[in-house]
Amino acid sequence: MSTFLRPATWRSAGQQQQKGAAAVEFALILPVLLLVFFGIVELSLALYDKAIITNASREGARAGIVLSSPKMTEAQIRDVVLTYTNGALLSLGASTAPTVTVVQSAPSSFPSNLSVTVSYTYAGLGLGSMLSALGQPIVLSSRTVMVNE
């Protein structure tokens, strides 16, 4: 009867060694998996913020070129852009307002162009703040040029 118990104890010892190897392999792979996961989340947040500032520059340019009397001023166009970005940008770190630059060509020239540029310093989860600490912040920028109607 003792001969039948002996293989069973060997089998359980082998299973315990397998469980230990799996734990070691998981401990080695976990940092890489976390790095990939947080990298994907960070990139997704940056792309979302880029889409927001792109749409904000389009909204500002569209508001500025629409035929209206009187024409919108540069300050009013900036307000349109900042209203669009307010609450839409995902700033998980230090929150900074985007910088809006409006350039209108002379009305006497044809075609009369309106250019709206929006720049935003991305903070993000960790990557943005790490690069800011190194002196190289991530600046997302979008420029839209439209012809006045």
C-alpha atoms as a PDB file:
ATOM      1  CA  MET A   1       0.000   0.000   0.000  1.00  0.00           C
ATOM      2  CA  SER A   2       2.874   2.367   0.623  1.00  0.00           C
ATOM      3  CA  THR A   3       3.985   1.925  -3.003  1.00  0.00           C
ATOM      4  CA  PHE A   4       0.688   3.412  -4.169  1.00  0.00           C
ATOM      5  CA  LEU A   5       1.074   6.511  -1.980  1.00  0.00           C
ATOM      6  CA  ARG A   6       4.567   7.247  -3.069  1.00  0.00           C
ATOM      7  CA  PRO A   7       3.767   8.213  -6.732  1.00  0.00           C
ATOM      8  CA  ALA A   8       0.938  10.449  -5.547  1.00  0.00           C
ATOM      9  CA  THR A   9       3.304  12.375  -3.273  1.00  0.00           C
ATOM     10  CA  TRP A  10       5.773  12.745  -6.123  1.00  0.00           C
ATOM     11  CA  ARG A  11       3.041  14.084  -8.338  1.00  0.00           C
ATOM     12  CA  SER A  12       2.003  16.720  -5.780  1.00  0.00           C
ATOM     13  CA  ALA A  13       5.612  17.808  -5.325  1.00  0.00           C
ATOM     14  CA  GLY A  14       5.891  18.279  -9.102  1.00  0.00           C
ATOM     15  CA  GLN A  15       2.674  20.276  -9.162  1.00  0.00           C
ATOM     16  CA  GLN A  16       3.980  22.553  -6.428  1.00  0.00           C
ATOM     17  CA  GLN A  17       7.144  23.160  -8.447  1.00  0.00           C
ATOM     18  CA  GLN A  18       5.003  24.046 -11.453  1.00  0.00           C
ATOM     19  CA  LYS A  19       2.990  26.523  -9.378  1.00  0.00           C
ATOM     20  CA  GLY A  20       6.209  28.143  -8.169  1.00  0.00           C
ATOM     21  CA  ALA A  21       7.527  28.451 -11.725  1.00  0.00           C
ATOM     22  CA  ALA A  22       4.277  30.052 -12.866  1.00  0.00           C
ATOM     23  CA  ALA A  23       4.479  32.594 -10.030  1.00  0.00           C
ATOM     24  CA  VAL A  24       8.059  33.506 -10.952  1.00  0.00           C
ATOM     25  CA  GLU A  25       7.158  33.849 -14.639  1.00  0.00           C
ATOM     26  CA  PHE A  26       4.190  36.053 -13.761  1.00  0.00           C
ATOM     27  CA  ALA A  27       6.392  38.237 -11.546  1.00  0.00           C
ATOM     28  CA  LEU A  28       8.810  38.700 -14.449  1.00  0.00           C
ATOM     29  CA  ILE A  29       6.106  39.503 -17.014  1.00  0.00           C
ATOM     30  CA  LEU A  30       3.876  41.731 -14.833  1.00  0.00           C
ATOM     31  CA  PRO A  31       5.990  44.932 -15.123  1.00  0.00           C
ATOM     32  CA  VAL A  32       6.056  44.617 -18.912  1.00  0.00           C
ATOM     33  CA  LEU A  33       2.287  44.082 -19.051  1.00  0.00           C
ATOM     34  CA  LEU A  34       1.661  47.083 -16.797  1.00  0.00           C
ATOM     35  CA  LEU A  35       3.983  49.240 -18.916  1.00  0.00           C
ATOM     36  CA  VAL A  36       2.120  48.265 -22.083  1.00  0.00           C
ATOM     37  CA  PHE A  37      -1.283  48.818 -20.456  1.00  0.00           C
ATOM     38  CA  PHE A  38      -0.456  52.267 -19.073  1.00  0.00           C
ATOM     39  CA  GLY A  39       1.231  53.206 -22.359  1.00  0.00           C
ATOM     40  CA  ILE A  40      -1.984  52.402 -24.227  1.00  0.00           C
ATOM     41  CA  VAL A  41      -4.049  54.424 -21.736  1.00  0.00           C
ATOM     42  CA  GLU A  42      -1.614  57.360 -21.968  1.00  0.00           C
ATOM     43  CA  LEU A  43      -1.658  57.340 -25.761  1.00  0.00           C
ATOM     44  CA  SER A  44      -5.455  57.144 -25.782  1.00  0.00           C
ATOM     45  CA  LEU A  45      -5.737  60.204 -23.523  1.00  0.00           C
ATOM     46  CA  ALA A  46      -3.287  62.149 -25.700  1.00  0.00           C
ATOM     47  CA  LEU A  47      -5.193  61.270 -28.875  1.00  0.00           C
ATOM     48  CA  TYR A  48      -8.481  62.266 -27.243  1.00  0.00           C
ATOM     49  CA  ASP A  49      -7.070  65.665 -26.208  1.00  0.00           C
ATOM     50  CA  LYS A  50      -5.623  66.120 -29.723  1.00  0.00           C
ATOM     51  CA  ALA A  51      -9.081  65.478 -31.218  1.00  0.00           C
ATOM     52  CA  ILE A  52     -10.636  68.009 -28.819  1.00  0.00           C
ATOM     53  CA  ILE A  53      -8.209  70.814 -29.721  1.00  0.00           C
ATOM     54  CA  THR A  54      -8.557  69.995 -33.438  1.00  0.00           C
ATOM     55  CA  ASN A  55     -12.331  70.324 -33.214  1.00  0.00           C
ATOM     56  CA  ALA A  56     -11.991  73.477 -31.098  1.00  0.00           C
ATOM     57  CA  SER A  57      -9.813  75.135 -33.744  1.00  0.00           C
ATOM     58  CA  ARG A  58     -12.370  74.186 -36.417  1.00  0.00           C
ATOM     59  CA  GLU A  59     -15.228  75.575 -34.322  1.00  0.00           C
ATOM     60  CA  GLY A  60     -13.367  78.830 -33.776  1.00  0.00           C
ATOM     61  CA  ALA A  61     -12.491  79.226 -37.438  1.00  0.00           C
ATOM     62  CA  ARG A  62     -16.032  78.391 -38.504  1.00  0.00           C
ATOM     63  CA  ALA A  63     -17.481  80.906 -36.035  1.00  0.00           C
ATOM     64  CA  GLY A  64     -15.093  83.566 -37.349  1.00  0.00           C
ATOM     65  CA  ILE A  65     -15.777  83.127 -41.075  1.00  0.00           C
ATOM     66  CA  VAL A  66     -19.559  82.913 -41.007  1.00  0.00           C
ATOM     67  CA  LEU A  67     -21.130  85.949 -42.600  1.00  0.00           C
ATOM     68  CA  SER A  68     -22.452  88.106 -39.795  1.00  0.00           C
ATOM     69  CA  SER A  69     -22.760  91.762 -39.061  1.00  0.00           C
ATOM     70  CA  PRO A  70     -20.656  92.841 -37.261  1.00  0.00           C
ATOM     71  CA  LYS A  71     -17.824  90.351 -37.827  1.00  0.00           C
ATOM     72  CA  MET A  72     -16.614  88.405 -34.776  1.00  0.00           C
ATOM     73  CA  THR A  73     -13.563  89.864 -33.096  1.00  0.00           C
ATOM     74  CA  GLU A  74     -10.450  87.857 -32.261  1.00  0.00           C
ATOM     75  CA  ALA A  75     -11.437  87.863 -28.581  1.00  0.00           C
ATOM     76  CA  GLN A  76     -14.863  86.430 -29.408  1.00  0.00           C
ATOM     77  CA  ILE A  77     -13.261  83.691 -31.534  1.00  0.00           C
ATOM     78  CA  ARG A  78     -10.922  82.868 -28.625  1.00  0.00           C
ATOM     79  CA  ASP A  79     -13.958  82.630 -26.340  1.00  0.00           C
ATOM     80  CA  VAL A  80     -15.617  80.159 -28.725  1.00  0.00           C
ATOM     81  CA  VAL A  81     -12.507  77.949 -28.681  1.00  0.00           C
ATOM     82  CA  LEU A  82     -12.033  78.136 -24.909  1.00  0.00           C
ATOM     83  CA  THR A  83     -15.720  77.402 -24.317  1.00  0.00           C
ATOM     84  CA  TYR A  84     -15.410  74.302 -26.502  1.00  0.00           C
ATOM     85  CA  THR A  85     -12.310  73.036 -24.682  1.00  0.00           C
ATOM     86  CA  ASN A  86     -13.536  73.942 -21.185  1.00  0.00           C
ATOM     87  CA  GLY A  87     -14.463  70.695 -19.468  1.00  0.00           C
ATOM     88  CA  ALA A  88     -13.711  68.574 -22.552  1.00  0.00           C
ATOM     89  CA  LEU A  89      -9.933  68.243 -22.155  1.00  0.00           C
ATOM     90  CA  LEU A  90      -8.827  65.422 -19.877  1.00  0.00           C
ATOM     91  CA  SER A  91      -6.235  66.980 -17.604  1.00  0.00           C
ATOM     92  CA  LEU A  92      -5.339  64.451 -14.957  1.00  0.00           C
ATOM     93  CA  GLY A  93      -2.300  66.370 -13.794  1.00  0.00           C
ATOM     94  CA  ALA A  94      -1.683  70.088 -13.666  1.00  0.00           C
ATOM     95  CA  SER A  95      -4.482  71.743 -15.599  1.00  0.00           C
ATOM     96  CA  THR A  96      -3.424  74.384 -18.097  1.00  0.00           C
ATOM     97  CA  ALA A  97      -5.697  76.302 -20.407  1.00  0.00           C
ATOM     98  CA  PRO A  98      -4.969  75.998 -24.123  1.00  0.00           C
ATOM     99  CA  THR A  99      -3.334  78.880 -25.942  1.00  0.00           C
ATOM    100  CA  VAL A 100      -5.393  80.288 -28.809  1.00  0.00           C
ATOM    101  CA  THR A 101      -3.898  82.387 -31.618  1.00  0.00           C
ATOM    102  CA  VAL A 102      -6.196  84.031 -34.158  1.00  0.00           C
ATOM    103  CA  VAL A 103      -4.759  85.595 -37.322  1.00  0.00           C
ATOM    104  CA  GLN A 104      -7.037  87.383 -39.782  1.00  0.00           C
ATOM    105  CA  SER A 105      -5.726  88.537 -43.127  1.00  0.00           C
ATOM    106  CA  ALA A 106      -6.567  92.004 -44.341  1.00  0.00           C
ATOM    107  CA  PRO A 107     -10.187  92.255 -45.484  1.00  0.00           C
ATOM    108  CA  SER A 108      -9.090  94.086 -48.649  1.00  0.00           C
ATOM    109  CA  SER A 109      -7.150  91.052 -49.891  1.00  0.00           C
ATOM    110  CA  PHE A 110      -9.026  88.247 -51.602  1.00  0.00           C
ATOM    111  CA  PRO A 111      -9.375  85.540 -50.481  1.00  0.00           C
ATOM    112  CA  SER A 112      -9.456  86.721 -46.905  1.00  0.00           C
ATOM    113  CA  ASN A 113      -8.217  83.887 -44.680  1.00  0.00           C
ATOM    114  CA  LEU A 114      -8.780  83.249 -40.987  1.00  0.00           C
ATOM    115  CA  SER A 115      -6.308  81.080 -39.117  1.00  0.00           C
ATOM    116  CA  VAL A 116      -6.998  79.653 -35.652  1.00  0.00           C
ATOM    117  CA  THR A 117      -4.187  77.834 -33.833  1.00  0.00           C
ATOM    118  CA  VAL A 118      -4.762  76.004 -30.539  1.00  0.00           C
ATOM    119  CA  SER A 119      -1.832  74.731 -28.446  1.00  0.00           C
ATOM    120  CA  TYR A 120      -2.153  72.646 -25.294  1.00  0.00           C
ATOM    121  CA  THR A 121       0.501  71.305 -22.927  1.00  0.00           C
ATOM    122  CA  TYR A 122      -0.423  67.684 -22.255  1.00  0.00           C
ATOM    123  CA  ALA A 123      -0.055  66.523 -18.654  1.00  0.00           C
ATOM    124  CA  GLY A 124      -1.399  62.960 -18.856  1.00  0.00           C
ATOM    125  CA  LEU A 125      -0.977  60.237 -16.269  1.00  0.00           C
ATOM    126  CA  GLY A 126       2.756  59.817 -15.975  1.00  0.00           C
ATOM    127  CA  LEU A 127       4.453  60.234 -19.326  1.00  0.00           C
ATOM    128  CA  GLY A 128       3.529  63.889 -19.706  1.00  0.00           C
ATOM    129  CA  SER A 129       4.716  64.807 -16.235  1.00  0.00           C
ATOM    130  CA  MET A 130       7.930  62.779 -16.627  1.00  0.00           C
ATOM    131  CA  LEU A 131       8.783  64.552 -19.888  1.00  0.00           C
ATOM    132  CA  SER A 132       7.912  67.930 -18.344  1.00  0.00           C
ATOM    133  CA  ALA A 133      10.366  67.187 -15.537  1.00  0.00           C
ATOM    134  CA  LEU A 134      13.050  66.506 -18.156  1.00  0.00           C
ATOM    135  CA  GLY A 135      12.346  69.894 -19.736  1.00  0.00           C
ATOM    136  CA  GLN A 136      10.479  68.594 -22.787  1.00  0.00           C
ATOM    137  CA  PRO A 137       6.721  68.886 -22.234  1.00  0.00           C
ATOM    138  CA  ILE A 138       4.360  67.354 -24.759  1.00  0.00           C
ATOM    139  CA  VAL A 139       2.618  70.170 -26.634  1.00  0.00           C
ATOM    140  CA  LEU A 140      -0.389  69.247 -28.734  1.00  0.00           C
ATOM    141  CA  SER A 141      -1.189  71.758 -31.448  1.00  0.00           C
ATOM    142  CA  SER A 142      -3.807  72.166 -34.151  1.00  0.00           C
ATOM    143  CA  ARG A 143      -4.230  74.842 -36.821  1.00  0.00           C
ATOM    144  CA  THR A 144      -7.251  75.492 -39.002  1.00  0.00           C
ATOM    145  CA  VAL A 145      -7.334  77.939 -41.918  1.00  0.00           C
ATOM    146  CA  MET A 146     -10.656  78.892 -43.540  1.00  0.00           C
ATOM    147  CA  VAL A 147     -11.646  81.465 -46.144  1.00  0.00           C
ATOM    148  CA  ASN A 148     -14.073  84.218 -45.060  1.00  0.00           C
ATOM    149  CA  GLU A 149     -17.508  84.050 -46.623  1.00  0.00           C
END
